[in-house]
């Protein structure tokens, strides 16, 4: 069998098909208690800093975006899947079909970002460009919640994935993930959730006042 493509365009197309096909089932699933705890703790921090405008990246069917909107935040939800976005809109959300490298918002539009188990689909070679694209639409001092499964480094299609087609994942060690985000965001908090036998990396980040200029390789990745 040939190796899976690590082209960003190919991965996005495959993920869109996988998540379009699983939207109904995922919409009916209940969230694990630890996920609710993570979400609530981040909202408490956001409210404590009087942030108000949140961008969710990889919103899925919109349960988290709806939660933040119900608690007074102005929310825009984005996802690559039109079926997911349709379910977000059915919940009364402003939702857009977008991927990480094509966030068509003015610079510094949001003071909160939220990405729960979405950037784990981004290949390592594209992650710097994605982080820069996210940084661009966040205002200085904005908070960003970045959470994903990881622990043992792995990149490729996940064996026995129930989605069709199987999804691409990029799992990173704690050290690797922190090293990759630290040039672009300040780390406010990092902890690992190990409930239910998982290794979930929870980061609360802050967009610094200065912006980082992309390297040539990052510029090329952003244009691919």
N, C-alpha and C. Protein backbone atom coordinates (compact mmCIF):
# COMPACT_ATOMS: atom_id res chain seq x y z
N UNK A 1 0.84 -1.17 0.00
CA UNK A 1 0.00 0.00 0.00
C UNK A 1 0.89 1.24 0.00
N UNK A 2 0.53 2.24 -0.79
CA UNK A 2 1.31 3.46 -0.86
C UNK A 2 1.10 4.30 0.39
N UNK A 3 2.10 5.12 0.73
CA UNK A 3 2.00 5.97 1.91
C UNK A 3 0.93 7.03 1.70
N UNK A 4 0.20 7.41 2.76
CA UNK A 4 -0.83 8.43 2.62
C UNK A 4 -0.22 9.78 2.27
N UNK A 5 -0.96 10.57 1.50
CA UNK A 5 -0.48 11.89 1.11
C UNK A 5 -0.40 12.80 2.33
N UNK A 6 0.66 13.59 2.41
CA UNK A 6 0.75 14.61 3.46
C UNK A 6 0.55 16.00 2.88
N UNK A 7 0.02 16.07 1.65
CA UNK A 7 -0.34 17.36 1.07
C UNK A 7 -1.52 17.94 1.83
N UNK A 8 -1.41 19.19 2.23
CA UNK A 8 -2.49 19.84 2.98
C UNK A 8 -3.79 19.79 2.20
N UNK A 9 -3.73 20.08 0.90
CA UNK A 9 -4.94 20.09 0.07
C UNK A 9 -5.58 18.71 0.03
N UNK A 10 -4.78 17.67 -0.14
CA UNK A 10 -5.32 16.31 -0.18
C UNK A 10 -5.93 15.90 1.15
N UNK A 11 -5.27 16.26 2.24
CA UNK A 11 -5.77 15.90 3.57
C UNK A 11 -7.09 16.60 3.85
N UNK A 12 -7.19 17.89 3.50
CA UNK A 12 -8.43 18.63 3.72
C UNK A 12 -9.57 18.00 2.94
N UNK A 13 -9.32 17.63 1.68
CA UNK A 13 -10.37 17.02 0.86
C UNK A 13 -10.85 15.71 1.46
N UNK A 14 -9.92 14.89 1.94
CA UNK A 14 -10.27 13.61 2.53
C UNK A 14 -11.02 13.79 3.84
N UNK A 15 -10.58 14.73 4.67
CA UNK A 15 -11.24 14.99 5.94
C UNK A 15 -12.65 15.52 5.72
N UNK A 16 -12.80 16.39 4.73
CA UNK A 16 -14.13 16.94 4.44
C UNK A 16 -15.12 15.81 4.14
N UNK A 17 -14.70 14.86 3.33
CA UNK A 17 -15.55 13.73 2.99
C UNK A 17 -15.85 12.88 4.23
N UNK A 18 -14.84 12.63 5.05
CA UNK A 18 -15.02 11.81 6.25
C UNK A 18 -16.00 12.45 7.22
N UNK A 19 -15.84 13.76 7.44
CA UNK A 19 -16.69 14.43 8.42
C UNK A 19 -18.08 14.74 7.88
N UNK A 20 -18.22 14.96 6.59
CA UNK A 20 -19.56 15.07 6.02
C UNK A 20 -20.35 13.80 6.29
N UNK A 21 -19.68 12.66 6.14
CA UNK A 21 -20.36 11.38 6.31
C UNK A 21 -20.67 11.01 7.74
N UNK A 22 -19.97 11.64 8.71
CA UNK A 22 -20.16 11.26 10.11
C UNK A 22 -20.90 12.35 10.91
N UNK A 23 -21.36 13.40 10.24
CA UNK A 23 -21.93 14.54 10.95
C UNK A 23 -23.12 14.15 11.81
N UNK A 24 -24.04 13.36 11.26
CA UNK A 24 -25.24 13.01 12.02
C UNK A 24 -24.89 12.23 13.28
N UNK A 25 -24.01 11.23 13.16
CA UNK A 25 -23.65 10.43 14.33
C UNK A 25 -22.91 11.26 15.36
N UNK A 26 -21.98 12.09 14.92
CA UNK A 26 -21.21 12.89 15.86
C UNK A 26 -22.09 13.92 16.57
N UNK A 27 -23.12 14.41 15.89
CA UNK A 27 -24.00 15.39 16.49
C UNK A 27 -24.80 14.80 17.64
N UNK A 28 -25.04 13.50 17.60
CA UNK A 28 -25.84 12.85 18.63
C UNK A 28 -25.02 12.35 19.81
N UNK A 29 -23.70 12.37 19.69
CA UNK A 29 -22.84 11.86 20.77
C UNK A 29 -22.80 12.82 21.96
N UNK A 30 -22.77 12.27 23.15
CA UNK A 30 -22.62 13.08 24.35
C UNK A 30 -21.14 13.27 24.65
N UNK A 31 -20.80 14.44 25.17
CA UNK A 31 -19.41 14.73 25.49
C UNK A 31 -19.01 14.05 26.80
N UNK A 32 -17.78 13.60 26.85
CA UNK A 32 -17.22 13.04 28.08
C UNK A 32 -17.11 14.14 29.14
N UNK A 33 -17.20 13.75 30.39
CA UNK A 33 -17.17 14.72 31.48
C UNK A 33 -15.88 15.55 31.47
N UNK A 34 -14.75 14.92 31.16
CA UNK A 34 -13.49 15.67 31.18
C UNK A 34 -13.46 16.76 30.12
N UNK A 35 -14.16 16.54 29.00
CA UNK A 35 -14.23 17.58 27.97
C UNK A 35 -15.06 18.77 28.45
N UNK A 36 -16.12 18.48 29.18
CA UNK A 36 -16.95 19.55 29.74
C UNK A 36 -16.15 20.36 30.76
N UNK A 37 -15.32 19.68 31.54
CA UNK A 37 -14.50 20.37 32.54
C UNK A 37 -13.49 21.28 31.85
N UNK A 38 -12.84 20.80 30.79
CA UNK A 38 -11.88 21.62 30.04
C UNK A 38 -12.56 22.86 29.48
N UNK A 39 -13.71 22.66 28.88
CA UNK A 39 -14.44 23.77 28.25
C UNK A 39 -14.87 24.81 29.27
N UNK A 40 -15.39 24.34 30.40
CA UNK A 40 -15.84 25.25 31.44
C UNK A 40 -14.69 26.07 32.03
N UNK A 41 -13.55 25.41 32.24
CA UNK A 41 -12.39 26.11 32.81
C UNK A 41 -11.87 27.18 31.86
N UNK A 42 -11.90 26.89 30.56
CA UNK A 42 -11.46 27.90 29.60
C UNK A 42 -12.44 29.07 29.57
N UNK A 43 -13.74 28.80 29.59
CA UNK A 43 -14.72 29.88 29.62
C UNK A 43 -14.51 30.77 30.84
N UNK A 44 -14.24 30.16 31.99
CA UNK A 44 -14.01 30.94 33.21
C UNK A 44 -12.82 31.88 33.04
N UNK A 45 -11.76 31.39 32.39
CA UNK A 45 -10.59 32.25 32.16
C UNK A 45 -10.95 33.38 31.19
N UNK A 46 -11.67 33.06 30.14
CA UNK A 46 -12.09 34.06 29.14
C UNK A 46 -12.94 35.14 29.80
N UNK A 47 -13.90 34.73 30.59
CA UNK A 47 -14.76 35.71 31.26
C UNK A 47 -13.99 36.54 32.27
N UNK A 48 -13.03 35.91 32.94
CA UNK A 48 -12.22 36.64 33.91
C UNK A 48 -11.39 37.74 33.27
N UNK A 49 -11.01 37.54 32.01
CA UNK A 49 -10.24 38.55 31.28
C UNK A 49 -11.12 39.44 30.42
N UNK A 50 -12.43 39.26 30.53
CA UNK A 50 -13.41 40.08 29.81
C UNK A 50 -13.21 40.05 28.29
N UNK A 51 -12.90 38.84 27.78
CA UNK A 51 -12.84 38.64 26.34
C UNK A 51 -14.27 38.43 25.82
N UNK A 52 -14.47 38.68 24.52
CA UNK A 52 -15.86 38.66 24.06
C UNK A 52 -16.09 38.04 22.68
N UNK A 53 -15.09 37.98 21.83
CA UNK A 53 -15.33 37.56 20.43
C UNK A 53 -14.49 36.32 20.14
N UNK A 54 -15.17 35.19 19.95
CA UNK A 54 -14.49 33.90 19.86
C UNK A 54 -14.61 33.30 18.47
N UNK A 55 -13.51 32.76 18.00
CA UNK A 55 -13.45 32.00 16.75
C UNK A 55 -13.18 30.55 17.10
N UNK A 56 -14.09 29.66 16.70
CA UNK A 56 -13.81 28.23 16.88
C UNK A 56 -13.28 27.67 15.57
N UNK A 57 -12.19 26.95 15.67
CA UNK A 57 -11.50 26.37 14.52
C UNK A 57 -11.71 24.86 14.54
N UNK A 58 -12.47 24.36 13.58
CA UNK A 58 -12.84 22.95 13.59
C UNK A 58 -13.98 22.73 14.56
N UNK A 59 -15.09 23.40 14.31
CA UNK A 59 -16.20 23.43 15.27
C UNK A 59 -17.04 22.17 15.26
N UNK A 60 -16.88 21.31 14.26
CA UNK A 60 -17.73 20.14 14.19
C UNK A 60 -19.19 20.54 14.08
N UNK A 61 -20.04 19.90 14.86
CA UNK A 61 -21.47 20.20 14.79
C UNK A 61 -21.91 21.35 15.68
N UNK A 62 -20.94 22.01 16.33
CA UNK A 62 -21.23 23.28 16.99
C UNK A 62 -21.61 23.23 18.45
N UNK A 63 -21.44 22.10 19.13
CA UNK A 63 -21.83 22.03 20.54
C UNK A 63 -21.03 23.01 21.40
N UNK A 64 -19.73 23.09 21.17
CA UNK A 64 -18.92 24.01 21.98
C UNK A 64 -19.20 25.46 21.62
N UNK A 65 -19.33 25.76 20.34
CA UNK A 65 -19.65 27.13 19.94
C UNK A 65 -20.99 27.57 20.53
N UNK A 66 -21.98 26.69 20.52
CA UNK A 66 -23.28 27.02 21.09
C UNK A 66 -23.15 27.29 22.59
N UNK A 67 -22.33 26.51 23.27
CA UNK A 67 -22.09 26.71 24.70
C UNK A 67 -21.50 28.09 24.97
N UNK A 68 -20.48 28.46 24.21
CA UNK A 68 -19.86 29.77 24.42
C UNK A 68 -20.83 30.90 24.08
N UNK A 69 -21.62 30.70 23.03
CA UNK A 69 -22.60 31.73 22.67
C UNK A 69 -23.66 31.88 23.76
N UNK A 70 -24.11 30.77 24.32
CA UNK A 70 -25.10 30.80 25.40
C UNK A 70 -24.56 31.51 26.64
N UNK A 71 -23.24 31.55 26.77
CA UNK A 71 -22.63 32.22 27.92
C UNK A 71 -22.13 33.63 27.57
N UNK A 72 -22.70 34.20 26.53
CA UNK A 72 -22.52 35.63 26.29
C UNK A 72 -21.42 36.03 25.31
N UNK A 73 -20.70 35.07 24.74
CA UNK A 73 -19.66 35.43 23.80
C UNK A 73 -20.23 35.57 22.39
N UNK A 74 -19.61 36.43 21.61
CA UNK A 74 -19.94 36.56 20.18
C UNK A 74 -19.08 35.54 19.44
N UNK A 75 -19.71 34.58 18.79
CA UNK A 75 -19.02 33.41 18.28
C UNK A 75 -19.16 33.29 16.77
N UNK A 76 -18.06 32.93 16.12
CA UNK A 76 -18.08 32.46 14.74
C UNK A 76 -17.45 31.08 14.73
N UNK A 77 -18.16 30.12 14.15
CA UNK A 77 -17.70 28.74 14.06
C UNK A 77 -17.22 28.45 12.65
N UNK A 78 -16.09 27.77 12.54
CA UNK A 78 -15.58 27.38 11.23
C UNK A 78 -15.31 25.89 11.21
N UNK A 79 -15.51 25.29 10.05
CA UNK A 79 -15.20 23.87 9.86
C UNK A 79 -15.03 23.62 8.37
N UNK A 80 -14.29 22.56 8.03
CA UNK A 80 -14.08 22.24 6.61
C UNK A 80 -15.27 21.49 6.02
N UNK A 81 -16.14 20.97 6.86
CA UNK A 81 -17.25 20.13 6.41
C UNK A 81 -18.53 20.93 6.24
N UNK A 82 -19.08 21.00 5.04
CA UNK A 82 -20.36 21.68 4.86
C UNK A 82 -21.48 21.08 5.69
N UNK A 83 -21.47 19.76 5.89
CA UNK A 83 -22.50 19.13 6.70
C UNK A 83 -22.37 19.56 8.16
N UNK A 84 -21.16 19.65 8.66
CA UNK A 84 -20.96 20.12 10.03
C UNK A 84 -21.42 21.57 10.17
N UNK A 85 -21.06 22.39 9.21
CA UNK A 85 -21.44 23.81 9.24
C UNK A 85 -22.96 23.96 9.21
N UNK A 86 -23.64 23.14 8.43
CA UNK A 86 -25.10 23.19 8.38
C UNK A 86 -25.69 22.90 9.75
N UNK A 87 -25.11 21.96 10.47
CA UNK A 87 -25.60 21.63 11.81
C UNK A 87 -25.29 22.74 12.81
N UNK A 88 -24.16 23.42 12.62
CA UNK A 88 -23.86 24.60 13.44
C UNK A 88 -24.93 25.68 13.21
N UNK A 89 -25.25 25.94 11.96
CA UNK A 89 -26.23 26.98 11.64
C UNK A 89 -27.61 26.63 12.19
N UNK A 90 -27.93 25.33 12.20
CA UNK A 90 -29.22 24.91 12.76
C UNK A 90 -29.30 25.19 14.25
N UNK A 91 -28.17 25.36 14.90
CA UNK A 91 -28.13 25.70 16.33
C UNK A 91 -28.11 27.21 16.54
N UNK A 92 -28.28 27.98 15.47
CA UNK A 92 -28.30 29.43 15.59
C UNK A 92 -26.94 30.09 15.58
N UNK A 93 -25.95 29.40 15.07
CA UNK A 93 -24.58 29.92 15.05
C UNK A 93 -24.24 30.57 13.71
N UNK A 94 -23.39 31.55 13.76
CA UNK A 94 -22.75 32.08 12.56
C UNK A 94 -21.62 31.12 12.23
N UNK A 95 -21.78 30.33 11.18
CA UNK A 95 -20.81 29.28 10.87
C UNK A 95 -20.37 29.39 9.42
N UNK A 96 -19.08 29.15 9.18
CA UNK A 96 -18.50 29.30 7.85
C UNK A 96 -17.70 28.05 7.49
N UNK A 97 -17.74 27.68 6.20
CA UNK A 97 -16.89 26.59 5.70
C UNK A 97 -15.52 27.18 5.41
N UNK A 98 -14.54 26.82 6.23
CA UNK A 98 -13.18 27.35 6.10
C UNK A 98 -12.18 26.33 6.63
N UNK A 99 -10.96 26.37 6.08
CA UNK A 99 -9.87 25.59 6.65
C UNK A 99 -8.86 26.55 7.26
N UNK A 100 -7.89 25.99 7.96
CA UNK A 100 -6.96 26.80 8.76
C UNK A 100 -6.16 27.80 7.93
N UNK A 101 -5.79 27.43 6.72
CA UNK A 101 -4.95 28.31 5.91
C UNK A 101 -5.75 29.28 5.07
N UNK A 102 -7.06 29.26 5.20
CA UNK A 102 -7.90 30.17 4.42
C UNK A 102 -8.96 30.79 5.33
N UNK A 103 -8.49 31.44 6.38
CA UNK A 103 -9.36 32.14 7.31
C UNK A 103 -9.56 33.56 6.79
N UNK A 104 -10.69 33.80 6.15
CA UNK A 104 -10.90 35.07 5.44
C UNK A 104 -11.52 36.12 6.36
N UNK A 105 -10.84 36.37 7.47
CA UNK A 105 -11.27 37.41 8.40
C UNK A 105 -10.21 38.51 8.41
N UNK A 106 -10.60 39.76 8.68
CA UNK A 106 -9.59 40.80 8.85
C UNK A 106 -8.62 40.46 9.97
N UNK A 107 -7.42 40.97 9.87
CA UNK A 107 -6.43 40.73 10.92
C UNK A 107 -6.95 41.22 12.27
N UNK A 108 -6.62 40.46 13.32
CA UNK A 108 -6.91 40.83 14.70
C UNK A 108 -8.42 40.96 14.97
N UNK A 109 -9.21 40.07 14.35
CA UNK A 109 -10.67 40.14 14.48
C UNK A 109 -11.20 39.55 15.79
N UNK A 110 -10.45 38.68 16.44
CA UNK A 110 -10.97 37.93 17.59
C UNK A 110 -10.04 38.07 18.79
N UNK A 111 -10.65 38.06 19.98
CA UNK A 111 -9.81 38.06 21.18
C UNK A 111 -9.82 36.70 21.89
N UNK A 112 -10.46 35.71 21.26
CA UNK A 112 -10.44 34.34 21.77
C UNK A 112 -10.42 33.38 20.58
N UNK A 113 -9.60 32.34 20.67
CA UNK A 113 -9.62 31.26 19.70
C UNK A 113 -9.80 29.94 20.43
N UNK A 114 -10.44 28.97 19.76
CA UNK A 114 -10.72 27.70 20.41
C UNK A 114 -10.60 26.60 19.37
N UNK A 115 -9.69 25.66 19.60
CA UNK A 115 -9.46 24.56 18.66
C UNK A 115 -9.33 23.27 19.45
N UNK A 116 -10.41 22.52 19.51
CA UNK A 116 -10.46 21.29 20.30
C UNK A 116 -10.42 20.10 19.35
N UNK A 117 -9.30 19.39 19.37
CA UNK A 117 -9.11 18.20 18.53
C UNK A 117 -9.32 18.49 17.04
N UNK A 118 -8.73 19.58 16.58
CA UNK A 118 -8.78 19.87 15.15
C UNK A 118 -7.38 20.00 14.54
N UNK A 119 -6.45 20.63 15.24
CA UNK A 119 -5.11 20.76 14.69
C UNK A 119 -4.33 19.45 14.71
N UNK A 120 -4.89 18.42 15.31
CA UNK A 120 -4.24 17.12 15.25
C UNK A 120 -4.35 16.49 13.85
N UNK A 121 -5.11 17.13 12.97
CA UNK A 121 -5.18 16.68 11.58
C UNK A 121 -4.18 17.41 10.67
N UNK A 122 -3.42 18.34 11.22
CA UNK A 122 -2.47 19.14 10.43
C UNK A 122 -1.10 18.47 10.44
N UNK A 123 -0.53 18.16 9.28
CA UNK A 123 0.82 17.58 9.26
C UNK A 123 1.84 18.51 9.91
N UNK A 124 2.86 17.95 10.50
CA UNK A 124 3.89 18.77 11.14
C UNK A 124 4.49 19.79 10.20
N UNK A 125 4.64 19.43 8.93
CA UNK A 125 5.26 20.34 7.97
C UNK A 125 4.42 21.59 7.72
N UNK A 126 3.12 21.52 8.01
CA UNK A 126 2.23 22.66 7.78
C UNK A 126 1.85 23.38 9.07
N UNK A 127 2.16 22.81 10.21
CA UNK A 127 1.71 23.41 11.46
C UNK A 127 2.23 24.83 11.67
N UNK A 128 3.49 25.15 11.37
CA UNK A 128 3.92 26.55 11.54
C UNK A 128 3.07 27.53 10.73
N UNK A 129 2.76 27.20 9.48
CA UNK A 129 1.94 28.09 8.66
C UNK A 129 0.53 28.22 9.23
N UNK A 130 -0.01 27.12 9.75
CA UNK A 130 -1.35 27.16 10.35
C UNK A 130 -1.35 28.03 11.60
N UNK A 131 -0.34 27.88 12.45
CA UNK A 131 -0.26 28.70 13.66
C UNK A 131 -0.14 30.18 13.31
N UNK A 132 0.60 30.50 12.27
CA UNK A 132 0.71 31.89 11.83
C UNK A 132 -0.62 32.41 11.31
N UNK A 133 -1.35 31.59 10.57
CA UNK A 133 -2.65 32.01 10.05
C UNK A 133 -3.63 32.28 11.20
N UNK A 134 -3.58 31.44 12.23
CA UNK A 134 -4.44 31.66 13.39
C UNK A 134 -4.01 32.91 14.14
N UNK A 135 -2.70 33.05 14.31
CA UNK A 135 -2.18 34.23 15.01
C UNK A 135 -2.63 35.52 14.33
N UNK A 136 -2.68 35.52 13.01
CA UNK A 136 -3.02 36.72 12.25
C UNK A 136 -4.43 37.21 12.56
N UNK A 137 -5.38 36.31 12.76
CA UNK A 137 -6.76 36.75 12.98
C UNK A 137 -7.07 37.00 14.45
N UNK A 138 -6.11 36.72 15.34
CA UNK A 138 -6.28 37.00 16.76
C UNK A 138 -5.65 38.34 17.12
N UNK A 139 -6.31 39.07 17.99
CA UNK A 139 -5.80 40.35 18.45
C UNK A 139 -4.65 40.15 19.44
N UNK A 140 -3.80 41.15 19.61
CA UNK A 140 -2.78 41.05 20.66
C UNK A 140 -3.42 40.77 22.02
N UNK A 141 -2.81 39.89 22.78
CA UNK A 141 -3.26 39.46 24.10
C UNK A 141 -4.45 38.51 24.04
N UNK A 142 -4.86 38.07 22.84
CA UNK A 142 -5.96 37.12 22.72
C UNK A 142 -5.57 35.79 23.34
N UNK A 143 -6.57 35.08 23.85
CA UNK A 143 -6.38 33.73 24.38
C UNK A 143 -6.72 32.70 23.31
N UNK A 144 -5.97 31.62 23.29
CA UNK A 144 -6.24 30.51 22.36
C UNK A 144 -6.18 29.20 23.14
N UNK A 145 -7.28 28.46 23.10
CA UNK A 145 -7.27 27.11 23.66
C UNK A 145 -6.94 26.15 22.52
N UNK A 146 -5.91 25.38 22.73
CA UNK A 146 -5.47 24.39 21.75
C UNK A 146 -5.39 23.04 22.45
N UNK A 147 -6.26 22.11 22.06
CA UNK A 147 -6.27 20.80 22.69
C UNK A 147 -6.27 19.70 21.66
N UNK A 148 -5.50 18.65 21.93
CA UNK A 148 -5.44 17.55 20.97
C UNK A 148 -4.87 16.29 21.63
N UNK A 149 -5.20 15.15 21.06
CA UNK A 149 -4.61 13.90 21.49
C UNK A 149 -3.16 13.83 21.00
N UNK A 150 -2.32 13.21 21.80
CA UNK A 150 -0.91 13.06 21.43
C UNK A 150 -0.21 12.11 22.37
N UNK A 151 1.05 12.38 22.61
CA UNK A 151 1.86 11.53 23.48
C UNK A 151 2.95 10.83 22.69
N UNK A 152 2.59 9.75 22.02
CA UNK A 152 3.54 9.04 21.17
C UNK A 152 3.51 9.64 19.77
N UNK A 153 4.64 10.13 19.25
CA UNK A 153 4.65 10.73 17.92
C UNK A 153 4.18 9.76 16.84
N UNK A 154 3.30 10.24 15.99
CA UNK A 154 2.76 9.43 14.89
C UNK A 154 2.19 10.38 13.85
N UNK A 155 2.38 10.04 12.59
CA UNK A 155 1.79 10.82 11.52
C UNK A 155 1.34 9.89 10.40
N UNK A 156 0.05 9.94 10.08
CA UNK A 156 -0.48 9.09 9.02
C UNK A 156 -1.93 8.76 9.25
N UNK A 157 -2.46 7.79 8.49
CA UNK A 157 -3.83 7.35 8.66
C UNK A 157 -3.94 6.47 9.89
N UNK A 158 -4.99 6.66 10.66
CA UNK A 158 -5.15 5.89 11.89
C UNK A 158 -5.75 4.52 11.58
N UNK A 159 -5.14 3.50 12.11
CA UNK A 159 -5.61 2.13 11.87
C UNK A 159 -7.00 1.95 12.48
N UNK A 160 -7.88 1.30 11.72
CA UNK A 160 -9.23 0.98 12.19
C UNK A 160 -10.08 2.21 12.49
N UNK A 161 -9.79 3.33 11.84
CA UNK A 161 -10.63 4.51 12.00
C UNK A 161 -12.03 4.20 11.46
N UNK A 162 -13.08 4.58 12.19
CA UNK A 162 -14.44 4.25 11.77
C UNK A 162 -14.98 5.21 10.72
N UNK A 163 -14.24 6.30 10.45
CA UNK A 163 -14.67 7.22 9.41
C UNK A 163 -14.31 6.70 8.03
N UNK A 164 -15.04 7.12 7.05
CA UNK A 164 -14.78 6.74 5.66
C UNK A 164 -14.72 8.00 4.79
N UNK A 165 -13.56 8.30 4.22
CA UNK A 165 -12.29 7.56 4.29
C UNK A 165 -11.61 7.74 5.65
N UNK A 166 -10.65 6.86 5.98
CA UNK A 166 -9.91 7.01 7.23
C UNK A 166 -9.22 8.37 7.31
N UNK A 167 -9.15 8.92 8.51
CA UNK A 167 -8.61 10.26 8.69
C UNK A 167 -7.09 10.26 8.92
N UNK A 168 -6.47 11.35 8.52
CA UNK A 168 -5.06 11.59 8.76
C UNK A 168 -4.90 12.23 10.14
N UNK A 169 -3.91 11.77 10.90
CA UNK A 169 -3.60 12.33 12.21
C UNK A 169 -2.12 12.65 12.31
N UNK A 170 -1.83 13.66 13.11
CA UNK A 170 -0.45 13.95 13.50
C UNK A 170 -0.43 14.07 15.01
N UNK A 171 0.08 13.04 15.68
CA UNK A 171 0.22 13.05 17.13
C UNK A 171 1.65 13.47 17.48
N UNK A 172 1.77 14.30 18.52
CA UNK A 172 3.08 14.83 18.92
C UNK A 172 3.33 14.56 20.39
N UNK A 173 4.59 14.43 20.73
CA UNK A 173 4.94 14.33 22.15
C UNK A 173 4.68 15.69 22.79
N UNK A 174 4.59 15.70 24.13
CA UNK A 174 4.38 16.97 24.83
C UNK A 174 5.49 17.96 24.51
N UNK A 175 6.72 17.47 24.54
CA UNK A 175 7.87 18.35 24.29
C UNK A 175 7.83 18.90 22.86
N UNK A 176 7.50 18.04 21.91
CA UNK A 176 7.44 18.46 20.52
C UNK A 176 6.37 19.51 20.30
N UNK A 177 5.19 19.30 20.87
CA UNK A 177 4.10 20.24 20.69
C UNK A 177 4.44 21.59 21.30
N UNK A 178 4.97 21.60 22.50
CA UNK A 178 5.34 22.86 23.14
C UNK A 178 6.42 23.59 22.33
N UNK A 179 7.35 22.84 21.81
CA UNK A 179 8.41 23.44 21.00
C UNK A 179 7.85 24.07 19.72
N UNK A 180 6.83 23.46 19.14
CA UNK A 180 6.28 23.94 17.88
C UNK A 180 5.40 25.18 18.08
N UNK A 181 4.70 25.28 19.20
CA UNK A 181 3.81 26.43 19.39
C UNK A 181 4.52 27.64 19.99
N UNK A 182 5.61 27.41 20.72
CA UNK A 182 6.23 28.49 21.49
C UNK A 182 6.79 29.64 20.65
N UNK A 183 7.20 29.45 19.39
CA UNK A 183 7.62 30.63 18.63
C UNK A 183 6.48 31.57 18.27
N UNK A 184 5.24 31.11 18.36
CA UNK A 184 4.11 31.90 17.86
C UNK A 184 3.16 32.36 18.96
N UNK A 185 3.14 31.65 20.09
CA UNK A 185 2.25 31.98 21.19
C UNK A 185 2.96 31.80 22.51
N UNK A 186 2.57 32.59 23.50
CA UNK A 186 3.04 32.41 24.86
C UNK A 186 2.20 31.33 25.53
N UNK A 187 2.84 30.44 26.24
CA UNK A 187 2.13 29.36 26.92
C UNK A 187 1.68 29.85 28.30
N UNK A 188 0.37 29.93 28.48
CA UNK A 188 -0.22 30.34 29.75
C UNK A 188 -0.38 29.12 30.66
N UNK A 189 -0.83 28.01 30.09
CA UNK A 189 -1.04 26.79 30.85
C UNK A 189 -0.89 25.59 29.93
N UNK A 190 -0.26 24.55 30.46
CA UNK A 190 -0.20 23.27 29.75
C UNK A 190 -0.39 22.16 30.76
N UNK A 191 -1.35 21.28 30.45
CA UNK A 191 -1.53 20.10 31.29
C UNK A 191 -2.03 18.95 30.43
N UNK A 192 -1.89 17.76 30.93
CA UNK A 192 -2.29 16.56 30.20
C UNK A 192 -3.46 15.91 30.92
N UNK A 193 -4.48 15.55 30.17
CA UNK A 193 -5.63 14.81 30.68
C UNK A 193 -5.44 13.35 30.29
N UNK A 194 -5.55 12.46 31.27
CA UNK A 194 -5.33 11.03 31.00
C UNK A 194 -6.57 10.19 31.30
N UNK A 195 -7.71 10.82 31.44
CA UNK A 195 -8.95 10.07 31.67
C UNK A 195 -9.24 9.14 30.49
N UNK A 196 -9.89 8.04 30.78
CA UNK A 196 -10.35 7.10 29.75
C UNK A 196 -9.20 6.55 28.91
N UNK A 197 -8.00 6.50 29.49
CA UNK A 197 -6.87 5.93 28.79
C UNK A 197 -6.32 6.77 27.66
N UNK A 198 -6.68 8.05 27.62
CA UNK A 198 -6.20 8.92 26.54
C UNK A 198 -5.06 9.81 27.05
N UNK A 199 -4.35 10.41 26.13
CA UNK A 199 -3.32 11.40 26.44
C UNK A 199 -3.71 12.66 25.69
N UNK A 200 -4.39 13.55 26.40
CA UNK A 200 -4.91 14.77 25.77
C UNK A 200 -4.09 15.95 26.24
N UNK A 201 -3.54 16.68 25.28
CA UNK A 201 -2.67 17.82 25.57
C UNK A 201 -3.50 19.10 25.53
N UNK A 202 -3.64 19.75 26.68
CA UNK A 202 -4.46 20.96 26.80
C UNK A 202 -3.56 22.17 27.00
N UNK A 203 -3.59 23.07 26.04
CA UNK A 203 -2.79 24.28 26.12
C UNK A 203 -3.70 25.50 26.11
N UNK A 204 -3.44 26.42 27.01
CA UNK A 204 -4.00 27.76 26.91
C UNK A 204 -2.85 28.68 26.52
N UNK A 205 -3.02 29.36 25.40
CA UNK A 205 -1.97 30.17 24.82
C UNK A 205 -2.40 31.63 24.76
N UNK A 206 -1.43 32.51 24.60
CA UNK A 206 -1.73 33.93 24.45
C UNK A 206 -1.00 34.47 23.23
N UNK A 207 -1.72 35.23 22.44
CA UNK A 207 -1.11 35.87 21.27
C UNK A 207 -0.28 37.05 21.75
N UNK A 208 1.04 37.04 21.49
CA UNK A 208 1.89 38.13 21.96
C UNK A 208 1.59 39.44 21.23
N UNK A 209 2.07 40.53 21.77
CA UNK A 209 1.82 41.83 21.16
C UNK A 209 2.52 41.98 19.81
N UNK A 210 3.67 41.33 19.68
CA UNK A 210 4.36 41.36 18.39
C UNK A 210 3.92 40.18 17.55
N UNK A 211 4.01 40.31 16.22
CA UNK A 211 3.69 39.21 15.32
C UNK A 211 4.98 38.69 14.72
N UNK A 212 5.01 37.38 14.49
CA UNK A 212 6.18 36.75 13.90
C UNK A 212 6.03 36.76 12.39
N UNK A 213 7.11 37.09 11.72
CA UNK A 213 7.10 37.04 10.26
C UNK A 213 7.40 35.62 9.80
N UNK A 214 6.63 35.11 8.84
CA UNK A 214 6.86 33.73 8.39
C UNK A 214 8.16 33.59 7.64
N UNK A 215 8.80 32.44 7.80
CA UNK A 215 9.97 32.12 7.00
C UNK A 215 9.52 31.80 5.57
N UNK A 216 10.46 31.65 4.68
CA UNK A 216 10.10 31.32 3.30
C UNK A 216 9.39 29.98 3.21
N UNK A 217 9.84 29.00 3.99
CA UNK A 217 9.20 27.69 3.94
C UNK A 217 7.77 27.79 4.48
N UNK A 218 7.56 28.61 5.51
CA UNK A 218 6.21 28.80 6.02
C UNK A 218 5.32 29.52 5.02
N UNK A 219 5.89 30.49 4.30
CA UNK A 219 5.12 31.18 3.27
C UNK A 219 4.71 30.21 2.16
N UNK A 220 5.64 29.32 1.77
CA UNK A 220 5.31 28.35 0.72
C UNK A 220 4.21 27.40 1.20
N UNK A 221 4.29 26.96 2.46
CA UNK A 221 3.28 26.05 2.98
C UNK A 221 1.91 26.71 3.00
N UNK A 222 1.87 28.00 3.35
CA UNK A 222 0.60 28.71 3.42
C UNK A 222 -0.04 28.89 2.06
N UNK A 223 0.76 28.81 1.00
CA UNK A 223 0.24 29.01 -0.35
C UNK A 223 -0.06 27.71 -1.06
N UNK A 224 0.24 26.57 -0.39
CA UNK A 224 0.03 25.26 -1.05
C UNK A 224 -1.43 24.87 -1.06
